[in-house]
Amino acid sequence: MAVLTVQAVSRTGITPSYAAAAGGGDSFVNDGDCFVHIKNGGGSPITLTVAVQAKVMGLTITNIALSVTNAQERMIGPFPPDLFNDAGGSVQLTYSGVTTVTTGVFSLKKP
């Protein structure tokens, strides 16, 4: 499992960077203003799963499963910390496949 660096989007612009999706999953420190950009460069669809860490009124909430078709990309977020952060303050991501899959995490934290 790799820890992804959150990249702050600003009015002056950024050059985004992407990391190869890790076979054991990835995580990132979440402040509630983050979103994930995932790119599937492969020939088959994959599923990104975002783990829900909390229960609401004692009920388990289903993890988010996002299909990313072959040669496509998706963005997902934000992730409210009270639902998605684990005990360390991170969101956990897993992938059904990682070959030619890259991901980046971005924050829209207002100044």
PDB file of N, CA and C in Angstrom:
ATOM      1  N   MET A   1       0.853  -1.179   0.000  1.00  0.00           N
ATOM      2  CA  MET A   1       0.000   0.000   0.000  1.00  0.00           C
ATOM      3  C   MET A   1       0.893   1.233   0.000  1.00  0.00           C
ATOM      4  N   ALA A   2       0.552   2.163  -0.868  1.00  0.00           N
ATOM      5  CA  ALA A   2       1.309   3.401  -0.953  1.00  0.00           C
ATOM      6  C   ALA A   2       0.485   4.556  -0.400  1.00  0.00           C
ATOM      7  N   VAL A   3       1.190   5.526   0.158  1.00  0.00           N
ATOM      8  CA  VAL A   3       0.536   6.753   0.626  1.00  0.00           C
ATOM      9  C   VAL A   3       0.714   7.794  -0.476  1.00  0.00           C
ATOM     10  N   LEU A   4      -0.401   8.250  -1.014  1.00  0.00           N
ATOM     11  CA  LEU A   4      -0.374   9.240  -2.093  1.00  0.00           C
ATOM     12  C   LEU A   4      -0.275  10.643  -1.500  1.00  0.00           C
ATOM     13  N   THR A   5       0.485  11.493  -2.155  1.00  0.00           N
ATOM     14  CA  THR A   5       0.627  12.883  -1.737  1.00  0.00           C
ATOM     15  C   THR A   5      -0.531  13.700  -2.282  1.00  0.00           C
ATOM     16  N   VAL A   6      -1.168  14.462  -1.408  1.00  0.00           N
ATOM     17  CA  VAL A   6      -2.264  15.339  -1.827  1.00  0.00           C
ATOM     18  C   VAL A   6      -1.654  16.590  -2.453  1.00  0.00           C
ATOM     19  N   GLN A   7      -2.123  16.930  -3.640  1.00  0.00           N
ATOM     20  CA  GLN A   7      -1.625  18.090  -4.374  1.00  0.00           C
ATOM     21  C   GLN A   7      -2.648  19.212  -4.299  1.00  0.00           C
ATOM     22  N   ALA A   8      -2.214  20.379  -3.838  1.00  0.00           N
ATOM     23  CA  ALA A   8      -3.110  21.522  -3.669  1.00  0.00           C
ATOM     24  C   ALA A   8      -3.279  22.256  -4.998  1.00  0.00           C
ATOM     25  N   VAL A   9      -4.517  22.365  -5.445  1.00  0.00           N
ATOM     26  CA  VAL A   9      -4.832  23.127  -6.655  1.00  0.00           C
ATOM     27  C   VAL A   9      -4.904  24.595  -6.259  1.00  0.00           C
ATOM     28  N   SER A  10      -4.267  25.454  -7.050  1.00  0.00           N
ATOM     29  CA  SER A  10      -4.244  26.875  -6.712  1.00  0.00           C
ATOM     30  C   SER A  10      -4.598  27.720  -7.930  1.00  0.00           C
ATOM     31  N   ARG A  11      -4.810  28.994  -7.685  1.00  0.00           N
ATOM     32  CA  ARG A  11      -5.132  29.908  -8.781  1.00  0.00           C
ATOM     33  C   ARG A  11      -3.947  30.117  -9.717  1.00  0.00           C
ATOM     34  N   THR A  12      -2.754  29.837  -9.242  1.00  0.00           N
ATOM     35  CA  THR A  12      -1.584  29.979 -10.110  1.00  0.00           C
ATOM     36  C   THR A  12      -1.347  28.725 -10.933  1.00  0.00           C
ATOM     37  N   GLY A  13      -2.119  27.680 -10.654  1.00  0.00           N
ATOM     38  CA  GLY A  13      -2.036  26.441 -11.423  1.00  0.00           C
ATOM     39  C   GLY A  13      -1.004  25.479 -10.858  1.00  0.00           C
ATOM     40  N   ILE A  14      -1.164  24.221 -11.197  1.00  0.00           N
ATOM     41  CA  ILE A  14      -0.206  23.189 -10.808  1.00  0.00           C
ATOM     42  C   ILE A  14       0.050  22.282 -12.002  1.00  0.00           C
ATOM     43  N   THR A  15       1.166  21.598 -11.965  1.00  0.00           N
ATOM     44  CA  THR A  15       1.426  20.527 -12.904  1.00  0.00           C
ATOM     45  C   THR A  15       1.139  19.240 -12.144  1.00  0.00           C
ATOM     46  N   PRO A  16       0.013  18.590 -12.422  1.00  0.00           N
ATOM     47  CA  PRO A  16      -0.366  17.421 -11.635  1.00  0.00           C
ATOM     48  C   PRO A  16       0.590  16.259 -11.857  1.00  0.00           C
ATOM     49  N   SER A  17       0.754  15.452 -10.814  1.00  0.00           N
ATOM     50  CA  SER A  17       1.535  14.225 -10.957  1.00  0.00           C
ATOM     51  C   SER A  17       0.655  13.045 -10.579  1.00  0.00           C
ATOM     52  N   TYR A  18       0.951  11.912 -11.176  1.00  0.00           N
ATOM     53  CA  TYR A  18       0.170  10.703 -10.977  1.00  0.00           C
ATOM     54  C   TYR A  18       1.111   9.560 -10.615  1.00  0.00           C
ATOM     55  N   ALA A  19       0.612   8.659  -9.771  1.00  0.00           N
ATOM     56  CA  ALA A  19       1.388   7.498  -9.343  1.00  0.00           C
ATOM     57  C   ALA A  19       0.707   6.241  -9.859  1.00  0.00           C
ATOM     58  N   ALA A  20       1.506   5.208 -10.083  1.00  0.00           N
ATOM     59  CA  ALA A  20       0.933   3.917 -10.456  1.00  0.00           C
ATOM     60  C   ALA A  20       0.110   3.396  -9.289  1.00  0.00           C
ATOM     61  N   ALA A  21      -1.077   2.889  -9.570  1.00  0.00           N
ATOM     62  CA  ALA A  21      -1.933   2.317  -8.538  1.00  0.00           C
ATOM     63  C   ALA A  21      -1.225   1.106  -7.931  1.00  0.00           C
ATOM     64  N   ALA A  22      -1.228   1.012  -6.606  1.00  0.00           N
ATOM     65  CA  ALA A  22      -0.545  -0.083  -5.905  1.00  0.00           C
ATOM     66  C   ALA A  22      -1.460  -1.297  -5.810  1.00  0.00           C
ATOM     67  N   GLY A  23      -0.889  -2.467  -6.018  1.00  0.00           N
ATOM     68  CA  GLY A  23      -1.653  -3.705  -5.971  1.00  0.00           C
ATOM     69  C   GLY A  23      -2.373  -3.924  -4.656  1.00  0.00           C
ATOM     70  N   GLY A  24      -1.783  -3.490  -3.559  1.00  0.00           N
ATOM     71  CA  GLY A  24      -2.414  -3.633  -2.249  1.00  0.00           C
ATOM     72  C   GLY A  24      -3.301  -2.469  -1.875  1.00  0.00           C
ATOM     73  N   GLY A  25      -3.447  -1.512  -2.776  1.00  0.00           N
ATOM     74  CA  GLY A  25      -4.256  -0.334  -2.506  1.00  0.00           C
ATOM     75  C   GLY A  25      -3.409   0.870  -2.168  1.00  0.00           C
ATOM     76  N   ASP A  26      -4.044   2.004  -2.050  1.00  0.00           N
ATOM     77  CA  ASP A  26      -3.393   3.268  -1.729  1.00  0.00           C
ATOM     78  C   ASP A  26      -4.197   3.980  -0.650  1.00  0.00           C
ATOM     79  N   SER A  27      -3.584   4.987  -0.062  1.00  0.00           N
ATOM     80  CA  SER A  27      -4.282   5.821   0.913  1.00  0.00           C
ATOM     81  C   SER A  27      -3.797   7.256   0.759  1.00  0.00           C
ATOM     82  N   PHE A  28      -4.539   8.190   1.337  1.00  0.00           N
ATOM     83  CA  PHE A  28      -4.111   9.577   1.367  1.00  0.00           C
ATOM     84  C   PHE A  28      -4.714  10.246   2.584  1.00  0.00           C
ATOM     85  N   VAL A  29      -3.984  11.228   3.121  1.00  0.00           N
ATOM     86  CA  VAL A  29      -4.479  11.997   4.266  1.00  0.00           C
ATOM     87  C   VAL A  29      -5.563  12.928   3.750  1.00  0.00           C
ATOM     88  N   ASN A  30      -6.729  12.861   4.390  1.00  0.00           N
ATOM     89  CA  ASN A  30      -7.909  13.558   3.885  1.00  0.00           C
ATOM     90  C   ASN A  30      -8.335  14.683   4.819  1.00  0.00           C
ATOM     91  N   ASP A  31      -8.498  15.881   4.240  1.00  0.00           N
ATOM     92  CA  ASP A  31      -8.980  17.026   5.017  1.00  0.00           C
ATOM     93  C   ASP A  31     -10.440  17.360   4.694  1.00  0.00           C
ATOM     94  N   GLY A  32     -11.067  16.547   3.867  1.00  0.00           N
ATOM     95  CA  GLY A  32     -12.455  16.777   3.492  1.00  0.00           C
ATOM     96  C   GLY A  32     -12.629  17.548   2.200  1.00  0.00           C
ATOM     97  N   ASP A  33     -11.546  18.091   1.665  1.00  0.00           N
ATOM     98  CA  ASP A  33     -11.601  18.855   0.426  1.00  0.00           C
ATOM     99  C   ASP A  33     -10.862  18.159  -0.712  1.00  0.00           C
ATOM    100  N   CYS A  34     -10.612  16.864  -0.565  1.00  0.00           N
ATOM    101  CA  CYS A  34      -9.822  16.122  -1.545  1.00  0.00           C
ATOM    102  C   CYS A  34     -10.701  15.416  -2.569  1.00  0.00           C
ATOM    103  N   PHE A  35     -10.123  15.232  -3.753  1.00  0.00           N
ATOM    104  CA  PHE A  35     -10.750  14.372  -4.751  1.00  0.00           C
ATOM    105  C   PHE A  35      -9.676  13.542  -5.426  1.00  0.00           C
ATOM    106  N   VAL A  36     -10.092  12.411  -5.981  1.00  0.00           N
ATOM    107  CA  VAL A  36      -9.184  11.475  -6.639  1.00  0.00           C
ATOM    108  C   VAL A  36      -9.435  11.532  -8.138  1.00  0.00           C
ATOM    109  N   HIS A  37      -8.337  11.564  -8.900  1.00  0.00           N
ATOM    110  CA  HIS A  37      -8.407  11.477 -10.359  1.00  0.00           C
ATOM    111  C   HIS A  37      -7.721  10.171 -10.736  1.00  0.00           C
ATOM    112  N   ILE A  38      -8.477   9.259 -11.321  1.00  0.00           N
ATOM    113  CA  ILE A  38      -7.947   7.944 -11.677  1.00  0.00           C
ATOM    114  C   ILE A  38      -8.006   7.776 -13.191  1.00  0.00           C
ATOM    115  N   LYS A  39      -6.921   7.228 -13.741  1.00  0.00           N
ATOM    116  CA  LYS A  39      -6.819   7.014 -15.183  1.00  0.00           C
ATOM    117  C   LYS A  39      -6.576   5.526 -15.440  1.00  0.00           C
ATOM    118  N   ASN A  40      -7.395   4.952 -16.298  1.00  0.00           N
ATOM    119  CA  ASN A  40      -7.244   3.551 -16.671  1.00  0.00           C
ATOM    120  C   ASN A  40      -6.713   3.498 -18.094  1.00  0.00           C
ATOM    121  N   GLY A  41      -5.429   3.220 -18.228  1.00  0.00           N
ATOM    122  CA  GLY A  41      -4.816   3.149 -19.551  1.00  0.00           C
ATOM    123  C   GLY A  41      -4.909   1.773 -20.173  1.00  0.00           C
ATOM    124  N   GLY A  42      -5.561   0.827 -19.493  1.00  0.00           N
ATOM    125  CA  GLY A  42      -5.625  -0.548 -19.962  1.00  0.00           C
ATOM    126  C   GLY A  42      -6.761  -0.825 -20.922  1.00  0.00           C
ATOM    127  N   GLY A  43      -6.836  -2.078 -21.344  1.00  0.00           N
ATOM    128  CA  GLY A  43      -7.841  -2.509 -22.299  1.00  0.00           C
ATOM    129  C   GLY A  43      -9.085  -3.078 -21.655  1.00  0.00           C
ATOM    130  N   SER A  44      -9.126  -3.125 -20.320  1.00  0.00           N
ATOM    131  CA  SER A  44     -10.282  -3.670 -19.606  1.00  0.00           C
ATOM    132  C   SER A  44     -10.727  -2.695 -18.529  1.00  0.00           C
ATOM    133  N   PRO A  45     -12.014  -2.703 -18.193  1.00  0.00           N
ATOM    134  CA  PRO A  45     -12.486  -1.833 -17.113  1.00  0.00           C
ATOM    135  C   PRO A  45     -11.932  -2.289 -15.765  1.00  0.00           C
ATOM    136  N   ILE A  46     -11.802  -1.348 -14.833  1.00  0.00           N
ATOM    137  CA  ILE A  46     -11.406  -1.646 -13.460  1.00  0.00           C
ATOM    138  C   ILE A  46     -12.416  -0.971 -12.532  1.00  0.00           C
ATOM    139  N   THR A  47     -12.371  -1.379 -11.274  1.00  0.00           N
ATOM    140  CA  THR A  47     -13.224  -0.752 -10.264  1.00  0.00           C
ATOM    141  C   THR A  47     -12.353  -0.168  -9.167  1.00  0.00           C
ATOM    142  N   LEU A  48     -12.565   1.103  -8.864  1.00  0.00           N
ATOM    143  CA  LEU A  48     -11.940   1.763  -7.722  1.00  0.00           C
ATOM    144  C   LEU A  48     -12.929   1.652  -6.575  1.00  0.00           C
ATOM    145  N   THR A  49     -12.454   1.149  -5.429  1.00  0.00           N
ATOM    146  CA  THR A  49     -13.300   1.073  -4.239  1.00  0.00           C
ATOM    147  C   THR A  49     -12.762   2.028  -3.192  1.00  0.00           C
ATOM    148  N   VAL A  50     -13.643   2.875  -2.668  1.00  0.00           N
ATOM    149  CA  VAL A  50     -13.311   3.808  -1.593  1.00  0.00           C
ATOM    150  C   VAL A  50     -13.992   3.277  -0.335  1.00  0.00           C
ATOM    151  N   ALA A  51     -13.195   2.980   0.689  1.00  0.00           N
ATOM    152  CA  ALA A  51     -13.726   2.370   1.904  1.00  0.00           C
ATOM    153  C   ALA A  51     -14.432   3.395   2.780  1.00  0.00           C
ATOM    154  N   VAL A  52     -15.633   3.048   3.214  1.00  0.00           N
ATOM    155  CA  VAL A  52     -16.370   3.847   4.191  1.00  0.00           C
ATOM    156  C   VAL A  52     -15.983   3.315   5.569  1.00  0.00           C
ATOM    157  N   GLN A  53     -15.610   4.221   6.476  1.00  0.00           N
ATOM    158  CA  GLN A  53     -15.074   3.817   7.775  1.00  0.00           C
ATOM    159  C   GLN A  53     -16.066   3.956   8.921  1.00  0.00           C
ATOM    160  N   ALA A  54     -17.217   4.560   8.685  1.00  0.00           N
ATOM    161  CA  ALA A  54     -18.142   4.874   9.779  1.00  0.00           C
ATOM    162  C   ALA A  54     -19.502   4.245   9.539  1.00  0.00           C
ATOM    163  N   LYS A  55     -20.255   4.202  10.595  1.00  0.00           N
ATOM    164  CA  LYS A  55     -21.655   3.799  10.524  1.00  0.00           C
ATOM    165  C   LYS A  55     -22.501   5.040  10.807  1.00  0.00           C
ATOM    166  N   VAL A  56     -23.688   5.076  10.244  1.00  0.00           N
ATOM    167  CA  VAL A  56     -24.608   6.165  10.503  1.00  0.00           C
ATOM    168  C   VAL A  56     -25.807   5.570  11.229  1.00  0.00           C
ATOM    169  N   MET A  57     -26.043   6.062  12.426  1.00  0.00           N
ATOM    170  CA  MET A  57     -27.129   5.571  13.265  1.00  0.00           C
ATOM    171  C   MET A  57     -27.068   4.046  13.402  1.00  0.00           C
ATOM    172  N   GLY A  58     -25.843   3.522  13.521  1.00  0.00           N
ATOM    173  CA  GLY A  58     -25.639   2.095  13.701  1.00  0.00           C
ATOM    174  C   GLY A  58     -25.702   1.273  12.424  1.00  0.00           C
ATOM    175  N   LEU A  59     -25.946   1.922  11.288  1.00  0.00           N
ATOM    176  CA  LEU A  59     -26.063   1.204  10.021  1.00  0.00           C
ATOM    177  C   LEU A  59     -24.766   1.281   9.238  1.00  0.00           C
ATOM    178  N   THR A  60     -24.354   0.159   8.687  1.00  0.00           N
ATOM    179  CA  THR A  60     -23.163   0.119   7.853  1.00  0.00           C
ATOM    180  C   THR A  60     -23.482   0.714   6.490  1.00  0.00           C
ATOM    181  N   ILE A  61     -22.612   1.577   6.032  1.00  0.00           N
ATOM    182  CA  ILE A  61     -22.778   2.206   4.725  1.00  0.00           C
ATOM    183  C   ILE A  61     -21.913   1.446   3.733  1.00  0.00           C
ATOM    184  N   THR A  62     -22.425   1.222   2.561  1.00  0.00           N
ATOM    185  CA  THR A  62     -21.699   0.485   1.531  1.00  0.00           C
ATOM    186  C   THR A  62     -20.526   1.310   1.015  1.00  0.00           C
ATOM    187  N   ASN A  63     -19.389   0.635   0.814  1.00  0.00           N
ATOM    188  CA  ASN A  63     -18.241   1.281   0.192  1.00  0.00           C
ATOM    189  C   ASN A  63     -18.639   1.814  -1.181  1.00  0.00           C
ATOM    190  N   ILE A  64     -17.935   2.822  -1.642  1.00  0.00           N
ATOM    191  CA  ILE A  64     -18.179   3.355  -2.982  1.00  0.00           C
ATOM    192  C   ILE A  64     -17.374   2.536  -3.976  1.00  0.00           C
ATOM    193  N   ALA A  65     -18.021   2.057  -5.015  1.00  0.00           N
ATOM    194  CA  ALA A  65     -17.364   1.334  -6.097  1.00  0.00           C
ATOM    195  C   ALA A  65     -17.586   2.117  -7.389  1.00  0.00           C
ATOM    196  N   LEU A  66     -16.496   2.574  -7.974  1.00  0.00           N
ATOM    197  CA  LEU A  66     -16.561   3.396  -9.177  1.00  0.00           C
ATOM    198  C   LEU A  66     -15.927   2.643 -10.333  1.00  0.00           C
ATOM    199  N   SER A  67     -16.703   2.391 -11.369  1.00  0.00           N
ATOM    200  CA  SER A  67     -16.186   1.711 -12.548  1.00  0.00           C
ATOM    201  C   SER A  67     -15.461   2.717 -13.443  1.00  0.00           C
ATOM    202  N   VAL A  68     -14.268   2.322 -13.868  1.00  0.00           N
ATOM    203  CA  VAL A  68     -13.494   3.147 -14.803  1.00  0.00           C
ATOM    204  C   VAL A  68     -13.260   2.283 -16.031  1.00  0.00           C
ATOM    205  N   THR A  69     -13.974   2.591 -17.093  1.00  0.00           N
ATOM    206  CA  THR A  69     -13.882   1.776 -18.296  1.00  0.00           C
ATOM    207  C   THR A  69     -12.502   1.895 -18.928  1.00  0.00           C
ATOM    208  N   ASN A  70     -12.195   0.948 -19.808  1.00  0.00           N
ATOM    209  CA  ASN A  70     -10.878   0.925 -20.435  1.00  0.00           C
ATOM    210  C   ASN A  70     -10.611   2.214 -21.211  1.00  0.00           C
ATOM    211  N   ALA A  71      -9.385   2.690 -21.064  1.00  0.00           N
ATOM    212  CA  ALA A  71      -8.898   3.902 -21.736  1.00  0.00           C
ATOM    213  C   ALA A  71      -9.693   5.150 -21.347  1.00  0.00           C
ATOM    214  N   GLN A  72     -10.253   5.162 -20.134  1.00  0.00           N
ATOM    215  CA  GLN A  72     -11.010   6.313 -19.659  1.00  0.00           C
ATOM    216  C   GLN A  72     -10.445   6.786 -18.319  1.00  0.00           C
ATOM    217  N   GLU A  73     -10.959   7.892 -17.835  1.00  0.00           N
ATOM    218  CA  GLU A  73     -10.569   8.416 -16.530  1.00  0.00           C
ATOM    219  C   GLU A  73     -11.790   8.958 -15.814  1.00  0.00           C
ATOM    220  N   ARG A  74     -11.694   9.028 -14.483  1.00  0.00           N
ATOM    221  CA  ARG A  74     -12.793   9.519 -13.663  1.00  0.00           C
ATOM    222  C   ARG A  74     -12.226  10.355 -12.520  1.00  0.00           C
ATOM    223  N   MET A  75     -13.051  11.245 -11.993  1.00  0.00           N
ATOM    224  CA  MET A  75     -12.736  11.994 -10.777  1.00  0.00           C
ATOM    225  C   MET A  75     -13.829  11.696  -9.763  1.00  0.00           C
ATOM    226  N   ILE A  76     -13.456  11.573  -8.489  1.00  0.00           N
ATOM    227  CA  ILE A  76     -14.414  11.271  -7.442  1.00  0.00           C
ATOM    228  C   ILE A  76     -14.019  12.007  -6.162  1.00  0.00           C
ATOM    229  N   GLY A  77     -14.994  12.499  -5.442  1.00  0.00           N
ATOM    230  CA  GLY A  77     -14.767  13.197  -4.189  1.00  0.00           C
ATOM    231  C   GLY A  77     -15.788  14.311  -4.060  1.00  0.00           C
ATOM    232  N   PRO A  78     -15.785  15.079  -3.022  1.00  0.00           N
ATOM    233  CA  PRO A  78     -14.898  15.004  -1.855  1.00  0.00           C
ATOM    234  C   PRO A  78     -15.334  13.881  -0.910  1.00  0.00           C
ATOM    235  N   PHE A  79     -14.535  13.682   0.144  1.00  0.00           N
ATOM    236  CA  PHE A  79     -14.733  12.597   1.086  1.00  0.00           C
ATOM    237  C   PHE A  79     -14.873  13.163   2.501  1.00  0.00           C
ATOM    238  N   PRO A  80     -16.108  13.310   2.999  1.00  0.00           N
ATOM    239  CA  PRO A  80     -16.291  13.835   4.358  1.00  0.00           C
ATOM    240  C   PRO A  80     -15.518  12.978   5.364  1.00  0.00           C
ATOM    241  N   PRO A  81     -14.632  13.595   6.155  1.00  0.00           N
ATOM    242  CA  PRO A  81     -13.780  12.839   7.076  1.00  0.00           C
ATOM    243  C   PRO A  81     -14.535  11.933   8.038  1.00  0.00           C
ATOM    244  N   ASP A  82     -15.699  12.362   8.504  1.00  0.00           N
ATOM    245  CA  ASP A  82     -16.422  11.547   9.484  1.00  0.00           C
ATOM    246  C   ASP A  82     -16.931  10.235   8.893  1.00  0.00           C
ATOM    247  N   LEU A  83     -16.996  10.129   7.579  1.00  0.00           N
ATOM    248  CA  LEU A  83     -17.432   8.893   6.929  1.00  0.00           C
ATOM    249  C   LEU A  83     -16.284   8.087   6.334  1.00  0.00           C
ATOM    250  N   PHE A  84     -15.267   8.762   5.818  1.00  0.00           N
ATOM    251  CA  PHE A  84     -14.240   8.077   5.035  1.00  0.00           C
ATOM    252  C   PHE A  84     -12.877   7.952   5.706  1.00  0.00           C
ATOM    253  N   ASN A  85     -12.571   8.791   6.689  1.00  0.00           N
ATOM    254  CA  ASN A  85     -11.241   8.727   7.300  1.00  0.00           C
ATOM    255  C   ASN A  85     -11.131   7.548   8.254  1.00  0.00           C
ATOM    256  N   ASP A  86      -9.993   6.839   8.166  1.00  0.00           N
ATOM    257  CA  ASP A  86      -9.712   5.784   9.130  1.00  0.00           C
ATOM    258  C   ASP A  86      -9.152   6.424  10.397  1.00  0.00           C
ATOM    259  N   ALA A  87      -8.711   5.615  11.346  1.00  0.00           N
ATOM    260  CA  ALA A  87      -8.213   6.131  12.629  1.00  0.00           C
ATOM    261  C   ALA A  87      -7.007   7.048  12.451  1.00  0.00           C
ATOM    262  N   GLY A  88      -6.254   6.892  11.361  1.00  0.00           N
ATOM    263  CA  GLY A  88      -5.092   7.739  11.095  1.00  0.00           C
ATOM    264  C   GLY A  88      -5.402   8.970  10.266  1.00  0.00           C
ATOM    265  N   GLY A  89      -6.681   9.187   9.926  1.00  0.00           N
ATOM    266  CA  GLY A  89      -7.064  10.359   9.146  1.00  0.00           C
ATOM    267  C   GLY A  89      -6.915  10.187   7.647  1.00  0.00           C
ATOM    268  N   SER A  90      -6.845   8.934   7.191  1.00  0.00           N
ATOM    269  CA  SER A  90      -6.639   8.665   5.766  1.00  0.00           C
ATOM    270  C   SER A  90      -7.823   7.952   5.136  1.00  0.00           C
ATOM    271  N   VAL A  91      -7.964   8.146   3.839  1.00  0.00           N
ATOM    272  CA  VAL A  91      -8.946   7.432   3.027  1.00  0.00           C
ATOM    273  C   VAL A  91      -8.215   6.246   2.396  1.00  0.00           C
ATOM    274  N   GLN A  92      -8.889   5.100   2.363  1.00  0.00           N
ATOM    275  CA  GLN A  92      -8.325   3.875   1.804  1.00  0.00           C
ATOM    276  C   GLN A  92      -8.936   3.583   0.437  1.00  0.00           C
ATOM    277  N   LEU A  93      -8.071   3.358  -0.558  1.00  0.00           N
ATOM    278  CA  LEU A  93      -8.482   3.052  -1.924  1.00  0.00           C
ATOM    279  C   LEU A  93      -7.978   1.666  -2.302  1.00  0.00           C
ATOM    280  N   THR A  94      -8.805   0.892  -2.993  1.00  0.00           N
ATOM    281  CA  THR A  94      -8.347  -0.369  -3.577  1.00  0.00           C
ATOM    282  C   THR A  94      -8.827  -0.436  -5.017  1.00  0.00           C
ATOM    283  N   TYR A  95      -8.173  -1.283  -5.793  1.00  0.00           N
ATOM    284  CA  TYR A  95      -8.425  -1.372  -7.222  1.00  0.00           C
ATOM    285  C   TYR A  95      -8.623  -2.835  -7.616  1.00  0.00           C
ATOM    286  N   SER A  96      -9.522  -3.085  -8.565  1.00  0.00           N
ATOM    287  CA  SER A  96      -9.720  -4.449  -9.049  1.00  0.00           C
ATOM    288  C   SER A  96      -8.610  -4.868 -10.001  1.00  0.00           C
ATOM    289  N   GLY A  97      -7.883  -3.919 -10.523  1.00  0.00           N
ATOM    290  CA  GLY A  97      -6.733  -4.156 -11.389  1.00  0.00           C
ATOM    291  C   GLY A  97      -5.849  -2.933 -11.355  1.00  0.00           C
ATOM    292  N   VAL A  98      -4.542  -3.117 -11.545  1.00  0.00           N
ATOM    293  CA  VAL A  98      -3.635  -1.963 -11.457  1.00  0.00           C
ATOM    294  C   VAL A  98      -2.749  -1.780 -12.689  1.00  0.00           C
ATOM    295  N   THR A  99      -2.801  -2.705 -13.630  1.00  0.00           N
ATOM    296  CA  THR A  99      -1.965  -2.592 -14.815  1.00  0.00           C
ATOM    297  C   THR A  99      -2.368  -1.359 -15.610  1.00  0.00           C
ATOM    298  N   THR A 100      -1.443  -0.471 -15.823  1.00  0.00           N
ATOM    299  CA  THR A 100      -1.603   0.805 -16.533  1.00  0.00           C
ATOM    300  C   THR A 100      -2.630   1.730 -15.893  1.00  0.00           C
ATOM    301  N   VAL A 101      -2.856   1.574 -14.582  1.00  0.00           N
ATOM    302  CA  VAL A 101      -3.761   2.464 -13.847  1.00  0.00           C
ATOM    303  C   VAL A 101      -2.918   3.448 -13.047  1.00  0.00           C
ATOM    304  N   THR A 102      -3.208   4.735 -13.185  1.00  0.00           N
ATOM    305  CA  THR A 102      -2.520   5.762 -12.403  1.00  0.00           C
ATOM    306  C   THR A 102      -3.556   6.610 -11.678  1.00  0.00           C
ATOM    307  N   THR A 103      -3.107   7.208 -10.586  1.00  0.00           N
ATOM    308  CA  THR A 103      -4.028   8.010  -9.785  1.00  0.00           C
ATOM    309  C   THR A 103      -3.310   9.211  -9.183  1.00  0.00           C
ATOM    310  N   GLY A 104      -4.064  10.261  -8.950  1.00  0.00           N
ATOM    311  CA  GLY A 104      -3.562  11.452  -8.283  1.00  0.00           C
ATOM    312  C   GLY A 104      -4.629  11.951  -7.327  1.00  0.00           C
ATOM    313  N   VAL A 105      -4.194  12.580  -6.248  1.00  0.00           N
ATOM    314  CA  VAL A 105      -5.130  13.132  -5.266  1.00  0.00           C
ATOM    315  C   VAL A 105      -4.904  14.631  -5.198  1.00  0.00           C
ATOM    316  N   PHE A 106      -6.000  15.370  -5.201  1.00  0.00           N
ATOM    317  CA  PHE A 106      -5.935  16.823  -5.262  1.00  0.00           C
ATOM    318  C   PHE A 106      -6.837  17.421  -4.190  1.00  0.00           C
ATOM    319  N   SER A 107      -6.458  18.605  -3.718  1.00  0.00           N
ATOM    320  CA  SER A 107      -7.247  19.297  -2.713  1.00  0.00           C
ATOM    321  C   SER A 107      -7.662  20.659  -3.237  1.00  0.00           C
ATOM    322  N   LEU A 108      -8.900  21.004  -2.954  1.00  0.00           N
ATOM    323  CA  LEU A 108      -9.429  22.311  -3.341  1.00  0.00           C
ATOM    324  C   LEU A 108      -9.595  23.192  -2.105  1.00  0.00           C
ATOM    325  N   LYS A 109      -8.730  23.007  -1.121  1.00  0.00           N
ATOM    326  CA  LYS A 109      -8.785  23.772   0.119  1.00  0.00           C
ATOM    327  C   LYS A 109      -8.759  25.263  -0.223  1.00  0.00           C
ATOM    328  N   LYS A 110      -9.727  25.971   0.287  1.00  0.00           N
ATOM    329  CA  LYS A 110      -9.793  27.409   0.001  1.00  0.00           C
ATOM    330  C   LYS A 110      -8.798  28.159   0.884  1.00  0.00           C
ATOM    331  N   PRO A 111      -8.158  29.188   0.307  1.00  0.00           N
ATOM    332  CA  PRO A 111      -7.157  29.944   1.081  1.00  0.00           C
ATOM    333  C   PRO A 111      -7.799  30.735   2.217  1.00  0.00           C
TER     334      PRO A 111
END
